[in-house]
N, C-alpha and C. Protein backbone atom coordinates (compact mmCIF):
# COMPACT_ATOMS: atom_id res chain seq x y z
N MET A 1 12.66 -63.23 33.90
CA MET A 1 12.43 -61.91 33.45
C MET A 1 13.62 -61.47 32.62
N LEU A 2 13.32 -61.02 31.42
CA LEU A 2 14.35 -60.57 30.50
C LEU A 2 14.50 -59.07 30.58
N SER A 3 15.65 -58.61 30.67
CA SER A 3 15.83 -57.17 30.67
C SER A 3 16.82 -56.81 29.58
N GLN A 4 16.41 -55.91 28.77
CA GLN A 4 17.28 -55.43 27.72
C GLN A 4 17.44 -53.93 27.90
N ALA A 5 18.60 -53.48 27.70
CA ALA A 5 18.85 -52.06 27.82
C ALA A 5 18.44 -51.37 26.52
N ALA A 6 17.74 -50.28 26.64
CA ALA A 6 17.33 -49.50 25.48
C ALA A 6 18.33 -48.38 25.31
N TRP A 7 18.93 -48.35 24.14
CA TRP A 7 19.91 -47.33 23.86
C TRP A 7 19.33 -46.34 22.87
N ALA A 8 19.38 -45.09 23.22
CA ALA A 8 18.89 -44.04 22.32
C ALA A 8 19.89 -43.83 21.20
N GLN A 9 19.35 -43.50 20.04
CA GLN A 9 20.24 -43.23 18.93
C GLN A 9 20.91 -41.89 19.15
N GLU A 10 22.05 -41.77 18.58
CA GLU A 10 22.77 -40.52 18.70
C GLU A 10 22.10 -39.45 17.84
N ALA A 11 21.90 -38.25 18.38
CA ALA A 11 21.24 -37.16 17.66
C ALA A 11 22.16 -36.65 16.57
N PRO A 12 21.56 -36.27 15.42
CA PRO A 12 22.41 -35.73 14.35
C PRO A 12 22.95 -34.37 14.79
N PRO A 13 24.07 -33.98 14.27
CA PRO A 13 24.64 -32.69 14.67
C PRO A 13 23.76 -31.55 14.15
N PRO A 14 23.69 -30.44 14.86
CA PRO A 14 22.87 -29.31 14.39
C PRO A 14 23.44 -28.75 13.09
N PRO A 15 22.56 -28.16 12.26
CA PRO A 15 23.05 -27.62 10.99
C PRO A 15 24.06 -26.51 11.25
N GLY A 16 24.91 -26.31 10.26
CA GLY A 16 25.96 -25.30 10.38
C GLY A 16 25.38 -23.90 10.41
N GLY A 17 26.23 -22.91 10.60
CA GLY A 17 25.80 -21.53 10.73
C GLY A 17 25.05 -21.02 9.51
N PHE A 18 25.55 -21.30 8.32
CA PHE A 18 24.88 -20.82 7.11
C PHE A 18 23.64 -21.63 6.80
N GLY A 19 23.63 -22.90 7.17
CA GLY A 19 22.48 -23.77 6.90
C GLY A 19 21.24 -23.32 7.64
N ILE A 20 21.38 -22.74 8.79
CA ILE A 20 20.23 -22.29 9.56
C ILE A 20 19.77 -20.89 9.08
N LEU A 21 20.68 -20.10 8.52
CA LEU A 21 20.33 -18.76 8.06
C LEU A 21 19.69 -18.76 6.68
N LEU A 22 19.97 -19.76 5.89
CA LEU A 22 19.46 -19.80 4.52
C LEU A 22 17.94 -19.72 4.43
N PRO A 23 17.16 -20.50 5.18
CA PRO A 23 15.70 -20.36 5.10
C PRO A 23 15.20 -18.99 5.55
N MET A 24 15.83 -18.41 6.55
CA MET A 24 15.41 -17.09 7.03
C MET A 24 15.68 -16.02 5.98
N ILE A 25 16.81 -16.11 5.32
CA ILE A 25 17.14 -15.15 4.25
C ILE A 25 16.17 -15.32 3.09
N ALA A 26 15.83 -16.55 2.75
CA ALA A 26 14.89 -16.80 1.66
C ALA A 26 13.51 -16.22 1.97
N ILE A 27 13.06 -16.33 3.21
CA ILE A 27 11.76 -15.79 3.61
C ILE A 27 11.77 -14.27 3.53
N MET A 28 12.87 -13.64 3.96
CA MET A 28 12.97 -12.18 3.90
C MET A 28 12.95 -11.68 2.47
N VAL A 29 13.66 -12.35 1.58
CA VAL A 29 13.68 -11.96 0.16
C VAL A 29 12.29 -12.12 -0.44
N LEU A 30 11.61 -13.21 -0.11
CA LEU A 30 10.26 -13.45 -0.61
C LEU A 30 9.30 -12.37 -0.11
N MET A 31 9.39 -11.99 1.16
CA MET A 31 8.53 -10.94 1.71
C MET A 31 8.80 -9.61 1.01
N TYR A 32 10.05 -9.32 0.70
CA TYR A 32 10.38 -8.08 0.01
C TYR A 32 9.70 -8.02 -1.34
N PHE A 33 9.80 -9.08 -2.13
CA PHE A 33 9.24 -9.06 -3.48
C PHE A 33 7.73 -9.19 -3.51
N LEU A 34 7.11 -9.82 -2.51
CA LEU A 34 5.66 -10.00 -2.52
C LEU A 34 4.90 -8.92 -1.76
N ILE A 35 5.54 -8.27 -0.79
CA ILE A 35 4.82 -7.32 0.05
C ILE A 35 5.40 -5.92 -0.03
N LEU A 36 6.64 -5.74 0.32
CA LEU A 36 7.22 -4.41 0.47
C LEU A 36 7.39 -3.68 -0.86
N ARG A 37 7.90 -4.35 -1.85
CA ARG A 37 8.16 -3.69 -3.14
C ARG A 37 6.87 -3.21 -3.82
N PRO A 38 5.81 -4.04 -3.93
CA PRO A 38 4.57 -3.54 -4.54
C PRO A 38 3.94 -2.39 -3.75
N GLN A 39 4.04 -2.46 -2.42
CA GLN A 39 3.47 -1.40 -1.59
C GLN A 39 4.20 -0.08 -1.82
N ALA A 40 5.50 -0.13 -1.91
CA ALA A 40 6.29 1.09 -2.17
C ALA A 40 5.97 1.65 -3.56
N LYS A 41 5.77 0.77 -4.52
CA LYS A 41 5.44 1.20 -5.88
C LYS A 41 4.08 1.91 -5.91
N ARG A 42 3.08 1.35 -5.21
CA ARG A 42 1.76 1.99 -5.15
C ARG A 42 1.84 3.34 -4.46
N ALA A 43 2.62 3.43 -3.38
CA ALA A 43 2.76 4.70 -2.66
C ALA A 43 3.41 5.76 -3.56
N LYS A 44 4.39 5.37 -4.34
CA LYS A 44 5.06 6.30 -5.24
C LYS A 44 4.10 6.77 -6.33
N GLU A 45 3.30 5.87 -6.90
CA GLU A 45 2.32 6.23 -7.92
C GLU A 45 1.27 7.19 -7.35
N HIS A 46 0.80 6.92 -6.12
CA HIS A 46 -0.20 7.78 -5.49
C HIS A 46 0.38 9.17 -5.24
N ALA A 47 1.62 9.25 -4.77
CA ALA A 47 2.25 10.54 -4.51
C ALA A 47 2.39 11.35 -5.80
N SER A 48 2.74 10.72 -6.90
CA SER A 48 2.87 11.45 -8.16
C SER A 48 1.49 11.88 -8.68
N MET A 49 0.45 11.06 -8.46
CA MET A 49 -0.90 11.42 -8.86
C MET A 49 -1.38 12.63 -8.06
N VAL A 50 -1.12 12.65 -6.76
CA VAL A 50 -1.54 13.77 -5.92
C VAL A 50 -0.79 15.03 -6.31
N GLN A 51 0.48 14.91 -6.63
CA GLN A 51 1.29 16.06 -7.03
C GLN A 51 0.78 16.68 -8.34
N ALA A 52 0.20 15.87 -9.22
CA ALA A 52 -0.24 16.34 -10.53
C ALA A 52 -1.67 16.87 -10.54
N LEU A 53 -2.36 16.89 -9.40
CA LEU A 53 -3.74 17.38 -9.37
C LEU A 53 -3.79 18.85 -9.74
N SER A 54 -4.80 19.21 -10.51
CA SER A 54 -4.95 20.61 -10.90
C SER A 54 -6.44 20.97 -10.96
N LYS A 55 -6.70 22.25 -11.04
CA LYS A 55 -8.06 22.76 -11.10
C LYS A 55 -8.78 22.16 -12.31
N GLY A 56 -10.02 21.71 -12.09
CA GLY A 56 -10.81 21.15 -13.18
C GLY A 56 -10.78 19.63 -13.23
N ASP A 57 -9.82 19.01 -12.54
CA ASP A 57 -9.77 17.54 -12.51
C ASP A 57 -10.98 17.00 -11.75
N GLU A 58 -11.50 15.89 -12.23
CA GLU A 58 -12.60 15.22 -11.55
C GLU A 58 -12.01 14.05 -10.79
N VAL A 59 -12.29 14.02 -9.48
CA VAL A 59 -11.65 13.03 -8.62
C VAL A 59 -12.68 12.35 -7.73
N VAL A 60 -12.29 11.21 -7.20
CA VAL A 60 -13.07 10.53 -6.17
C VAL A 60 -12.14 10.35 -4.97
N THR A 61 -12.67 10.62 -3.78
CA THR A 61 -11.86 10.52 -2.57
C THR A 61 -11.87 9.08 -2.07
N ASN A 62 -11.02 8.81 -1.08
CA ASN A 62 -11.00 7.47 -0.48
C ASN A 62 -12.32 7.16 0.21
N GLY A 63 -13.06 8.19 0.59
CA GLY A 63 -14.37 8.01 1.22
C GLY A 63 -15.50 7.85 0.22
N GLY A 64 -15.21 7.98 -1.08
CA GLY A 64 -16.21 7.77 -2.11
C GLY A 64 -16.91 9.03 -2.59
N ILE A 65 -16.40 10.21 -2.24
CA ILE A 65 -17.02 11.46 -2.67
C ILE A 65 -16.47 11.85 -4.05
N LEU A 66 -17.39 12.08 -4.98
CA LEU A 66 -17.03 12.46 -6.34
C LEU A 66 -17.20 13.96 -6.49
N GLY A 67 -16.23 14.61 -7.11
CA GLY A 67 -16.35 16.05 -7.31
C GLY A 67 -15.31 16.58 -8.27
N ARG A 68 -15.40 17.90 -8.51
CA ARG A 68 -14.47 18.59 -9.40
C ARG A 68 -13.62 19.54 -8.56
N ILE A 69 -12.32 19.56 -8.82
CA ILE A 69 -11.42 20.41 -8.06
C ILE A 69 -11.62 21.86 -8.49
N GLU A 70 -11.86 22.72 -7.51
CA GLU A 70 -12.06 24.15 -7.76
C GLU A 70 -10.81 24.96 -7.41
N LYS A 71 -10.07 24.53 -6.39
CA LYS A 71 -8.90 25.27 -5.94
C LYS A 71 -7.89 24.30 -5.36
N VAL A 72 -6.62 24.48 -5.72
CA VAL A 72 -5.55 23.62 -5.23
C VAL A 72 -4.60 24.45 -4.38
N GLU A 73 -4.37 23.98 -3.15
CA GLU A 73 -3.41 24.62 -2.25
C GLU A 73 -2.28 23.63 -1.98
N GLU A 74 -1.39 24.00 -1.06
CA GLU A 74 -0.23 23.13 -0.80
C GLU A 74 -0.65 21.78 -0.20
N GLN A 75 -1.48 21.81 0.83
CA GLN A 75 -1.90 20.57 1.50
C GLN A 75 -3.37 20.23 1.28
N PHE A 76 -4.17 21.23 0.91
CA PHE A 76 -5.61 21.03 0.78
C PHE A 76 -6.07 21.38 -0.62
N LEU A 77 -7.29 20.94 -0.93
CA LEU A 77 -7.93 21.36 -2.17
C LEU A 77 -9.41 21.54 -1.91
N THR A 78 -10.04 22.39 -2.71
CA THR A 78 -11.48 22.63 -2.60
C THR A 78 -12.15 21.80 -3.68
N LEU A 79 -13.12 21.01 -3.25
CA LEU A 79 -13.79 20.07 -4.15
C LEU A 79 -15.26 20.45 -4.25
N LYS A 80 -15.73 20.72 -5.47
CA LYS A 80 -17.15 21.02 -5.69
C LYS A 80 -17.87 19.69 -5.84
N ILE A 81 -18.84 19.45 -4.93
CA ILE A 81 -19.53 18.16 -4.95
C ILE A 81 -20.98 18.27 -5.39
N ALA A 82 -21.52 19.49 -5.38
CA ALA A 82 -22.90 19.74 -5.84
C ALA A 82 -23.01 21.23 -6.14
N ALA A 83 -24.15 21.64 -6.68
CA ALA A 83 -24.37 23.06 -6.95
C ALA A 83 -24.32 23.82 -5.63
N ASN A 84 -23.52 24.87 -5.59
CA ASN A 84 -23.35 25.71 -4.40
C ASN A 84 -22.82 24.94 -3.19
N THR A 85 -22.16 23.82 -3.40
CA THR A 85 -21.60 23.04 -2.29
C THR A 85 -20.17 22.65 -2.62
N ALA A 86 -19.26 23.12 -1.76
CA ALA A 86 -17.85 22.78 -1.94
C ALA A 86 -17.28 22.39 -0.58
N ILE A 87 -16.36 21.47 -0.59
CA ILE A 87 -15.70 21.04 0.65
C ILE A 87 -14.20 21.14 0.48
N ARG A 88 -13.51 21.31 1.60
CA ARG A 88 -12.05 21.32 1.59
C ARG A 88 -11.58 19.97 2.12
N ILE A 89 -10.69 19.35 1.39
CA ILE A 89 -10.15 18.05 1.80
C ILE A 89 -8.63 18.09 1.70
N GLN A 90 -7.99 17.16 2.39
CA GLN A 90 -6.54 17.03 2.25
C GLN A 90 -6.25 16.35 0.93
N LYS A 91 -5.15 16.77 0.32
CA LYS A 91 -4.80 16.23 -1.00
C LYS A 91 -4.60 14.72 -0.99
N HIS A 92 -3.99 14.20 0.06
CA HIS A 92 -3.66 12.77 0.07
C HIS A 92 -4.89 11.88 0.20
N THR A 93 -6.08 12.46 0.48
CA THR A 93 -7.29 11.64 0.56
C THR A 93 -7.91 11.36 -0.80
N VAL A 94 -7.36 11.94 -1.86
CA VAL A 94 -7.86 11.66 -3.21
C VAL A 94 -7.45 10.24 -3.58
N GLY A 95 -8.44 9.45 -3.95
CA GLY A 95 -8.18 8.05 -4.28
C GLY A 95 -7.86 7.83 -5.74
N ALA A 96 -8.56 8.57 -6.62
CA ALA A 96 -8.34 8.37 -8.06
C ALA A 96 -8.81 9.59 -8.83
N VAL A 97 -8.19 9.81 -9.97
CA VAL A 97 -8.63 10.84 -10.91
C VAL A 97 -9.55 10.15 -11.91
N MET A 98 -10.74 10.72 -12.07
CA MET A 98 -11.73 10.13 -12.95
C MET A 98 -11.64 10.77 -14.34
N PRO A 99 -12.17 10.10 -15.36
CA PRO A 99 -12.18 10.69 -16.71
C PRO A 99 -13.08 11.91 -16.76
N LYS A 100 -12.73 12.86 -17.63
CA LYS A 100 -13.54 14.07 -17.79
C LYS A 100 -14.97 13.68 -18.19
N GLY A 101 -15.94 14.37 -17.59
CA GLY A 101 -17.35 14.08 -17.89
C GLY A 101 -17.99 13.14 -16.89
N THR A 102 -17.23 12.60 -15.96
CA THR A 102 -17.79 11.71 -14.95
C THR A 102 -18.67 12.49 -13.98
N TYR A 103 -18.19 13.66 -13.57
CA TYR A 103 -18.95 14.53 -12.65
C TYR A 103 -19.83 15.45 -13.47
N LYS A 104 -21.13 15.41 -13.19
CA LYS A 104 -22.08 16.28 -13.88
C LYS A 104 -22.75 17.17 -12.83
N ASP A 105 -22.82 18.48 -13.12
CA ASP A 105 -23.44 19.42 -12.17
C ASP A 105 -24.91 19.14 -12.02
């Protein structure tokens, strides 16, 4: 019977302090440019659009309601959606400003 001793190879030393942080830093930078920065840009554009709303603008809400702004208040606005029908909505629920002539009575 032959017996040979099996010797394990020596493990390589663990990467240095900066070597292990480099991939994590790269992932964080990538997430910033692909996720956080575009989201902040869209939020800023939406806030400026909501701030610029005025009477007579034709808008569509996030829920898909199309109407013409009749009255603008600090947090709310009155939206005419049909003849003799108006609703009050929060300003931030406006999804987009539509071109003039989109809403027809």
